[in-house]
Amino acid sequence: MTNTNAAGNAGLLKKFYEDMLLIRRFEEKAGQLYGMGLIGGFCHLYIGQEAVIVGAQSAAEPKDQLITAYRDHGHMLACGMDPKGVMAELTGRSTGYSRGKGGSMHMFSKEKNFYGGHGIVGAQVPIGTGLAFANRYRDDGSVSFTYFGDGAANQGQVYESFNMAELWKLPVVYVIENNQYAMGTSVARSSAEQHFYKRGLSFNIPGHEVDGMDVEAVYAASQEAAAWCRSGKGPIILEMKTYRYRGHSMSDPAKYRTREEVQEMREKRDPIEQFSSKLIAQGVVNEEELKTIDKKIRQIVNTAAEFGTESPEPALSELYTDILA
């Protein structure tokens, strides 16, 4: 892929940093609220993977769609959904994006073209392909960014989707977030072909491996992938090599990997720390500006947490609404 980067655009580089930091601080707060019993059900945190969604979403246009799996809070924030509404949904309040009924895994925003949050592994891939079919039908230049993980990459419905997408030249960017572990199973133990960007080759779908810990690399690759789709060439696969620091969900102690492995990734590959050091070295920001940004982000997250814990719960009558009979 040719190099399309954000270097020289100080405003964009600062936005990358702020967006990644917002996701990190939001997820840390969500983890705290879960520990306090204020968030029920499942809760999958995105800590460590922030560069993937920030870089890719920055390359998308407002008309493009975004659909993902259950590790979805970062995707919501990156596409501009209100942190207050996201947190209120996590805490099951009536002011949440799904009025308190969807929780962590099932909230949506028609306004932001965010089609979920899906709890079934791989289920979003055919839906994202269907969104691309609608784009092709309308011929409006929109692209479907369809995210899934290394675990979902082994699901049969993914390959049915690949076949149709290439057959009909659908404008869909398949973003495989390879965070090395499908629930508790390492890629090496579960996947015969560990290079996920090659998974579309038998369908003639091109793929590229991207450093998912480098927001600029993700942005450049995503720009080119979107351009590929918009030019009518059909689908494309981007494998983002990334890493999650926390367990699969909040109930996972992550004993299938060593503490040293996680610590090494945090120290040497953290997408936010690496990027902030780069921005300082390039003279884009200084330490004082970074502290100011962090203070602003923490205030946004604290406000969201207050909103999410002080908003009213859904009325009992809501049990009987939105039900398909």
Protein backbone atom coordinates (compact mmCIF):
# COMPACT_ATOMS: atom_id res chain seq x y z
CA MET A 1 0.00 0.00 0.00
CA THR A 2 1.25 3.51 -0.70
CA ASN A 3 1.81 5.77 2.27
CA THR A 4 -1.04 8.17 2.97
CA ASN A 5 -0.30 9.68 6.37
CA ALA A 6 -1.35 12.42 8.74
CA ALA A 7 2.14 13.84 9.26
CA GLY A 8 2.21 17.62 9.16
CA ASN A 9 -1.44 17.97 10.14
CA ALA A 10 -1.09 19.02 13.78
CA GLY A 11 -4.84 19.36 14.31
CA LEU A 12 -5.53 15.81 13.09
CA LEU A 13 -2.68 14.36 15.13
CA LYS A 14 -4.01 16.05 18.29
CA LYS A 15 -7.48 14.70 17.53
CA PHE A 16 -6.06 11.17 17.23
CA TYR A 17 -4.54 11.56 20.68
CA GLU A 18 -7.68 13.02 22.27
CA ASP A 19 -9.95 10.37 20.76
CA MET A 20 -7.72 7.52 21.91
CA LEU A 21 -7.41 9.00 25.39
CA LEU A 22 -11.19 9.47 25.65
CA ILE A 23 -11.71 5.77 24.91
CA ARG A 24 -9.01 4.75 27.41
CA ARG A 25 -10.38 6.92 30.25
CA PHE A 26 -13.98 5.95 29.46
CA GLU A 27 -13.14 2.25 29.60
CA GLU A 28 -11.20 2.65 32.83
CA LYS A 29 -14.24 4.35 34.37
CA ALA A 30 -16.57 1.65 33.00
CA GLY A 31 -14.36 -0.96 34.66
CA GLN A 32 -14.65 0.91 37.97
CA LEU A 33 -18.44 1.17 37.73
CA TYR A 34 -18.68 -2.53 36.88
CA GLY A 35 -16.64 -3.37 39.96
CA MET A 36 -19.04 -1.27 42.04
CA GLY A 37 -22.01 -3.24 40.71
CA LEU A 38 -23.40 -0.27 38.75
CA ILE A 39 -23.02 -2.02 35.38
CA GLY A 40 -24.68 -5.42 35.01
CA GLY A 41 -24.39 -8.19 32.47
CA PHE A 42 -21.35 -8.50 30.23
CA CYS A 43 -18.76 -5.76 29.77
CA HIS A 44 -15.88 -6.10 27.31
CA LEU A 45 -13.26 -3.36 27.59
CA TYR A 46 -11.27 -1.98 24.63
CA ILE A 47 -8.17 -0.92 26.55
CA GLY A 48 -5.08 -1.39 24.36
CA GLN A 49 -6.90 -1.41 21.03
CA GLU A 50 -7.73 2.31 20.81
CA ALA A 51 -5.55 3.06 17.76
CA VAL A 52 -7.58 0.69 15.57
CA ILE A 53 -10.95 2.39 15.75
CA VAL A 54 -9.59 5.94 16.01
CA GLY A 55 -7.37 5.55 12.94
CA ALA A 56 -9.99 3.75 10.86
CA GLN A 57 -12.92 5.97 11.82
CA SER A 58 -10.86 9.07 11.04
CA ALA A 59 -10.60 7.78 7.47
CA ALA A 60 -14.37 7.24 7.16
CA GLU A 61 -16.89 9.75 5.83
CA PRO A 62 -20.05 10.68 7.80
CA LYS A 63 -22.21 8.69 5.34
CA ASP A 64 -20.21 5.47 5.93
CA GLN A 65 -21.61 2.79 8.25
CA LEU A 66 -19.89 1.16 11.19
CA ILE A 67 -20.81 -2.21 12.69
CA THR A 68 -18.88 -4.27 15.21
CA ALA A 69 -19.00 -7.01 17.84
CA TYR A 70 -19.50 -6.73 21.61
CA ARG A 71 -16.21 -4.93 22.44
CA ASP A 72 -17.88 -1.81 21.13
CA HIS A 73 -17.68 1.20 23.47
CA GLY A 74 -14.61 2.56 21.68
CA HIS A 75 -16.35 2.35 18.32
CA MET A 76 -19.31 4.32 19.65
CA LEU A 77 -17.13 7.09 21.02
CA ALA A 78 -14.98 7.25 17.88
CA CYS A 79 -18.00 7.79 15.65
CA GLY A 80 -19.14 10.70 17.81
CA MET A 81 -21.80 9.17 20.04
CA ASP A 82 -22.29 11.08 23.31
CA PRO A 83 -20.28 9.54 26.20
CA LYS A 84 -23.21 10.35 28.53
CA GLY A 85 -25.64 8.30 26.45
CA VAL A 86 -23.18 5.42 26.14
CA MET A 87 -22.50 5.33 29.88
CA ALA A 88 -26.21 5.60 30.70
CA GLU A 89 -26.85 2.56 28.51
CA LEU A 90 -24.09 0.65 30.32
CA THR A 91 -25.77 1.41 33.64
CA GLY A 92 -29.21 0.46 32.25
CA ARG A 93 -30.81 3.91 32.44
CA SER A 94 -33.67 5.31 30.36
CA THR A 95 -31.38 8.04 28.98
CA GLY A 96 -29.11 5.47 27.32
CA TYR A 97 -28.87 4.92 23.57
CA SER A 98 -31.17 1.88 23.76
CA ARG A 99 -33.23 3.34 26.62
CA GLY A 100 -31.48 1.08 29.11
CA LYS A 101 -32.50 -2.17 27.41
CA GLY A 102 -29.45 -2.96 25.30
CA GLY A 103 -26.61 -2.67 27.76
CA SER A 104 -22.96 -2.91 26.80
CA MET A 105 -23.37 -5.07 23.71
CA HIS A 106 -26.49 -3.75 22.01
CA MET A 107 -26.76 -0.03 21.45
CA PHE A 108 -27.16 1.82 18.19
CA SER A 109 -27.18 5.30 16.68
CA LYS A 110 -29.00 5.91 13.42
CA GLU A 111 -27.72 9.49 13.47
CA LYS A 112 -24.07 8.36 13.55
CA ASN A 113 -24.61 5.35 11.24
CA PHE A 114 -23.57 3.02 14.08
CA TYR A 115 -25.33 -0.32 13.60
CA GLY A 116 -24.25 -2.04 16.82
CA GLY A 117 -22.81 -3.83 19.05
CA HIS A 118 -23.65 -7.53 18.48
CA GLY A 119 -23.37 -10.24 21.10
CA ILE A 120 -23.24 -13.26 18.79
CA VAL A 121 -19.73 -13.99 17.55
CA GLY A 122 -19.47 -13.12 13.86
CA ALA A 123 -23.16 -12.18 13.49
CA GLN A 124 -22.33 -8.60 12.51
CA VAL A 125 -20.32 -9.68 9.45
CA PRO A 126 -23.27 -10.67 7.23
CA ILE A 127 -25.17 -7.60 8.47
CA GLY A 128 -22.24 -5.34 7.58
CA THR A 129 -22.13 -7.04 4.18
CA GLY A 130 -25.85 -6.33 3.81
CA LEU A 131 -25.21 -2.66 4.56
CA ALA A 132 -22.65 -2.69 1.74
CA PHE A 133 -25.24 -4.31 -0.55
CA ALA A 134 -27.59 -1.41 0.21
CA ASN A 135 -24.78 1.03 -0.60
CA ARG A 136 -24.18 -0.67 -3.93
CA TYR A 137 -27.92 -0.69 -4.66
CA ARG A 138 -28.26 3.03 -3.89
CA ASP A 139 -24.93 3.80 -5.58
CA ASP A 140 -24.29 6.60 -3.08
CA GLY A 141 -20.55 6.09 -2.52
CA SER A 142 -20.94 4.89 1.08
CA VAL A 143 -18.67 2.24 2.56
CA SER A 144 -19.51 -0.29 5.28
CA PHE A 145 -16.72 -0.64 7.87
CA THR A 146 -17.35 -4.10 9.34
CA TYR A 147 -15.27 -5.00 12.39
CA PHE A 148 -14.71 -8.45 13.87
CA GLY A 149 -12.06 -10.27 15.87
CA ASP A 150 -9.65 -13.13 15.32
CA GLY A 151 -12.11 -15.52 16.96
CA ALA A 152 -14.98 -14.52 14.69
CA ALA A 153 -12.64 -14.92 11.69
CA ASN A 154 -13.10 -18.70 12.05
CA GLN A 155 -16.91 -18.54 11.77
CA GLY A 156 -18.57 -19.96 8.65
CA GLN A 157 -20.88 -16.99 8.05
CA VAL A 158 -17.79 -14.80 7.55
CA TYR A 159 -16.83 -16.77 4.44
CA GLU A 160 -20.34 -16.76 3.04
CA SER A 161 -20.18 -12.98 3.41
CA PHE A 162 -16.78 -12.81 1.70
CA ASN A 163 -18.10 -14.79 -1.27
CA MET A 164 -21.13 -12.55 -1.80
CA ALA A 165 -19.15 -9.35 -1.21
CA GLU A 166 -16.64 -10.16 -3.93
CA LEU A 167 -19.21 -11.67 -6.27
CA TRP A 168 -21.23 -8.45 -6.22
CA LYS A 169 -18.26 -6.08 -5.68
CA LEU A 170 -19.75 -4.68 -2.48
CA PRO A 171 -18.11 -1.62 -0.83
CA VAL A 172 -17.14 -3.14 2.51
CA VAL A 173 -13.91 -2.84 4.50
CA TYR A 174 -13.56 -5.93 6.68
CA VAL A 175 -11.48 -4.86 9.69
CA ILE A 176 -10.16 -7.87 11.60
CA GLU A 177 -9.05 -6.75 15.06
CA ASN A 178 -6.51 -9.44 15.86
CA ASN A 179 -5.87 -8.93 19.56
CA GLN A 180 -4.15 -12.34 19.76
CA TYR A 181 -6.79 -14.09 21.91
CA ALA A 182 -10.29 -15.33 21.07
CA MET A 183 -11.83 -15.33 24.53
CA GLY A 184 -9.12 -17.41 26.24
CA THR A 185 -7.59 -19.19 23.25
CA SER A 186 -4.48 -17.85 21.54
CA VAL A 187 -4.48 -17.47 17.76
CA ALA A 188 -1.70 -20.09 17.53
CA ARG A 189 -3.98 -22.71 19.12
CA SER A 190 -7.16 -21.92 17.21
CA SER A 191 -6.26 -20.83 13.68
CA ALA A 192 -4.65 -22.96 10.96
CA GLU A 193 -3.85 -19.77 9.00
CA GLN A 194 -2.70 -17.14 11.46
CA HIS A 195 -2.29 -14.37 8.85
CA PHE A 196 -5.88 -13.20 8.79
CA TYR A 197 -5.33 -10.71 5.99
CA LYS A 198 -4.94 -13.75 3.70
CA ARG A 199 -8.34 -15.15 4.60
CA GLY A 200 -10.03 -13.59 1.55
CA LEU A 201 -7.56 -14.83 -1.06
CA SER A 202 -9.68 -17.78 -2.21
CA PHE A 203 -12.46 -15.24 -2.93
CA ASN A 204 -10.03 -12.86 -4.69
CA ILE A 205 -10.37 -10.31 -1.86
CA PRO A 206 -7.11 -8.43 -1.24
CA GLY A 207 -5.86 -8.07 2.31
CA HIS A 208 -3.23 -6.11 4.19
CA GLU A 209 -1.60 -6.50 7.58
CA VAL A 210 -1.50 -3.27 9.59
CA ASP A 211 0.20 -2.30 12.85
CA GLY A 212 -2.91 -1.81 14.94
CA MET A 213 -0.92 -0.16 17.74
CA ASP A 214 0.06 2.73 15.42
CA VAL A 215 -2.84 5.12 14.82
CA GLU A 216 -1.14 6.77 11.83
CA ALA A 217 -0.54 3.40 10.14
CA VAL A 218 -4.19 2.47 10.71
CA TYR A 219 -5.37 5.81 9.31
CA ALA A 220 -3.24 5.47 6.16
CA ALA A 221 -4.35 1.89 5.49
CA SER A 222 -8.00 2.74 6.14
CA GLN A 223 -7.91 5.71 3.77
CA GLU A 224 -6.64 3.50 0.98
CA ALA A 225 -9.09 0.71 1.77
CA ALA A 226 -12.04 3.13 1.68
CA ALA A 227 -10.82 4.56 -1.63
CA TRP A 228 -10.57 1.01 -3.03
CA CYS A 229 -14.21 0.36 -2.10
CA ARG A 230 -15.48 3.72 -3.37
CA SER A 231 -13.84 3.14 -6.75
CA GLY A 232 -16.05 0.07 -7.30
CA LYS A 233 -13.34 -2.55 -6.81
CA GLY A 234 -15.28 -4.46 -4.16
CA PRO A 235 -14.34 -5.57 -0.64
CA ILE A 236 -10.96 -5.44 1.08
CA ILE A 237 -9.58 -6.92 4.32
CA LEU A 238 -7.44 -5.07 6.87
CA GLU A 239 -5.92 -7.21 9.62
CA MET A 240 -5.10 -4.96 12.56
CA LYS A 241 -2.41 -6.52 14.75
CA THR A 242 -3.40 -5.23 18.18
CA TYR A 243 -3.64 -6.34 21.82
CA ARG A 244 -6.09 -6.11 24.69
CA TYR A 245 -4.72 -5.55 28.17
CA ARG A 246 -7.75 -6.72 30.12
CA GLY A 247 -9.49 -10.08 30.09
CA HIS A 248 -11.98 -11.05 27.41
CA SER A 249 -14.72 -9.59 29.60
CA MET A 250 -14.81 -8.27 33.15
CA SER A 251 -15.37 -11.80 34.47
CA ASP A 252 -12.20 -13.16 32.82
CA PRO A 253 -9.06 -13.32 35.03
CA ALA A 254 -6.95 -13.92 31.85
CA LYS A 255 -4.81 -16.70 33.34
CA TYR A 256 -4.05 -18.03 29.84
CA ARG A 257 -1.22 -15.50 29.40
CA THR A 258 1.60 -14.25 31.60
CA ARG A 259 1.63 -10.97 33.47
CA GLU A 260 5.03 -10.32 31.87
CA GLU A 261 3.53 -10.54 28.37
CA VAL A 262 0.90 -7.91 29.16
CA GLN A 263 3.43 -5.68 30.93
CA GLU A 264 5.80 -5.81 27.96
CA MET A 265 3.04 -4.72 25.59
CA ARG A 266 2.07 -1.86 27.92
CA GLU A 267 5.63 -0.64 28.23
CA LYS A 268 6.82 -1.04 24.64
CA ARG A 269 3.74 -0.93 22.40
CA ASP A 270 1.04 1.12 24.11
CA PRO A 271 -0.74 3.07 21.32
CA ILE A 272 -1.32 6.18 23.45
CA GLU A 273 2.05 6.39 25.22
CA GLN A 274 3.97 5.74 22.00
CA PHE A 275 1.96 8.35 20.14
CA SER A 276 2.26 11.04 22.84
CA SER A 277 6.05 10.59 22.89
CA LYS A 278 6.08 10.96 19.11
CA LEU A 279 3.98 14.15 19.25
CA ILE A 280 6.31 15.69 21.82
CA ALA A 281 9.38 14.74 19.77
CA GLN A 282 7.82 16.35 16.69
CA GLY A 283 6.92 19.51 18.58
CA VAL A 284 3.18 19.07 18.00
CA VAL A 285 2.44 19.26 21.74
CA ASN A 286 4.33 19.68 25.01
CA GLU A 287 3.92 17.97 28.39
CA GLU A 288 1.75 20.80 29.71
CA GLU A 289 -0.69 20.51 26.79
CA LEU A 290 -0.97 16.76 27.33
CA LYS A 291 -1.86 17.36 30.99
CA THR A 292 -4.52 19.88 29.93
CA ILE A 293 -6.00 17.38 27.44
CA ASP A 294 -6.05 14.63 30.07
CA LYS A 295 -7.80 16.92 32.55
CA LYS A 296 -10.44 17.81 29.95
CA ILE A 297 -11.01 14.15 29.03
CA ARG A 298 -11.31 13.09 32.68
CA GLN A 299 -13.96 15.77 33.19
CA ILE A 300 -15.96 14.50 30.19
CA VAL A 301 -15.78 10.94 31.53
CA ASN A 302 -16.68 11.94 35.09
CA THR A 303 -19.69 13.87 33.78
CA ALA A 304 -20.74 10.80 31.79
CA ALA A 305 -20.40 8.60 34.88
CA GLU A 306 -22.53 10.99 36.95
CA PHE A 307 -25.14 11.09 34.19
CA GLY A 308 -25.11 7.30 33.97
CA THR A 309 -25.61 6.79 37.69
CA GLU A 310 -28.08 9.61 38.34
CA SER A 311 -30.42 9.10 35.37
CA PRO A 312 -33.69 7.25 36.06
CA GLU A 313 -34.09 3.57 35.33
CA PRO A 314 -36.67 2.58 32.67
CA ALA A 315 -40.28 2.48 33.85
CA LEU A 316 -41.79 -0.97 34.43
CA SER A 317 -44.15 -0.33 31.51
CA GLU A 318 -41.08 -0.42 29.22
CA LEU A 319 -41.04 -4.20 29.67
CA TYR A 320 -43.86 -4.34 27.13
CA THR A 321 -42.54 -1.94 24.50
CA ASP A 322 -40.28 -2.71 21.52
CA ILE A 323 -41.40 -6.34 21.55
CA LEU A 324 -41.99 -8.10 18.23
CA ALA A 325 -45.07 -10.31 18.63
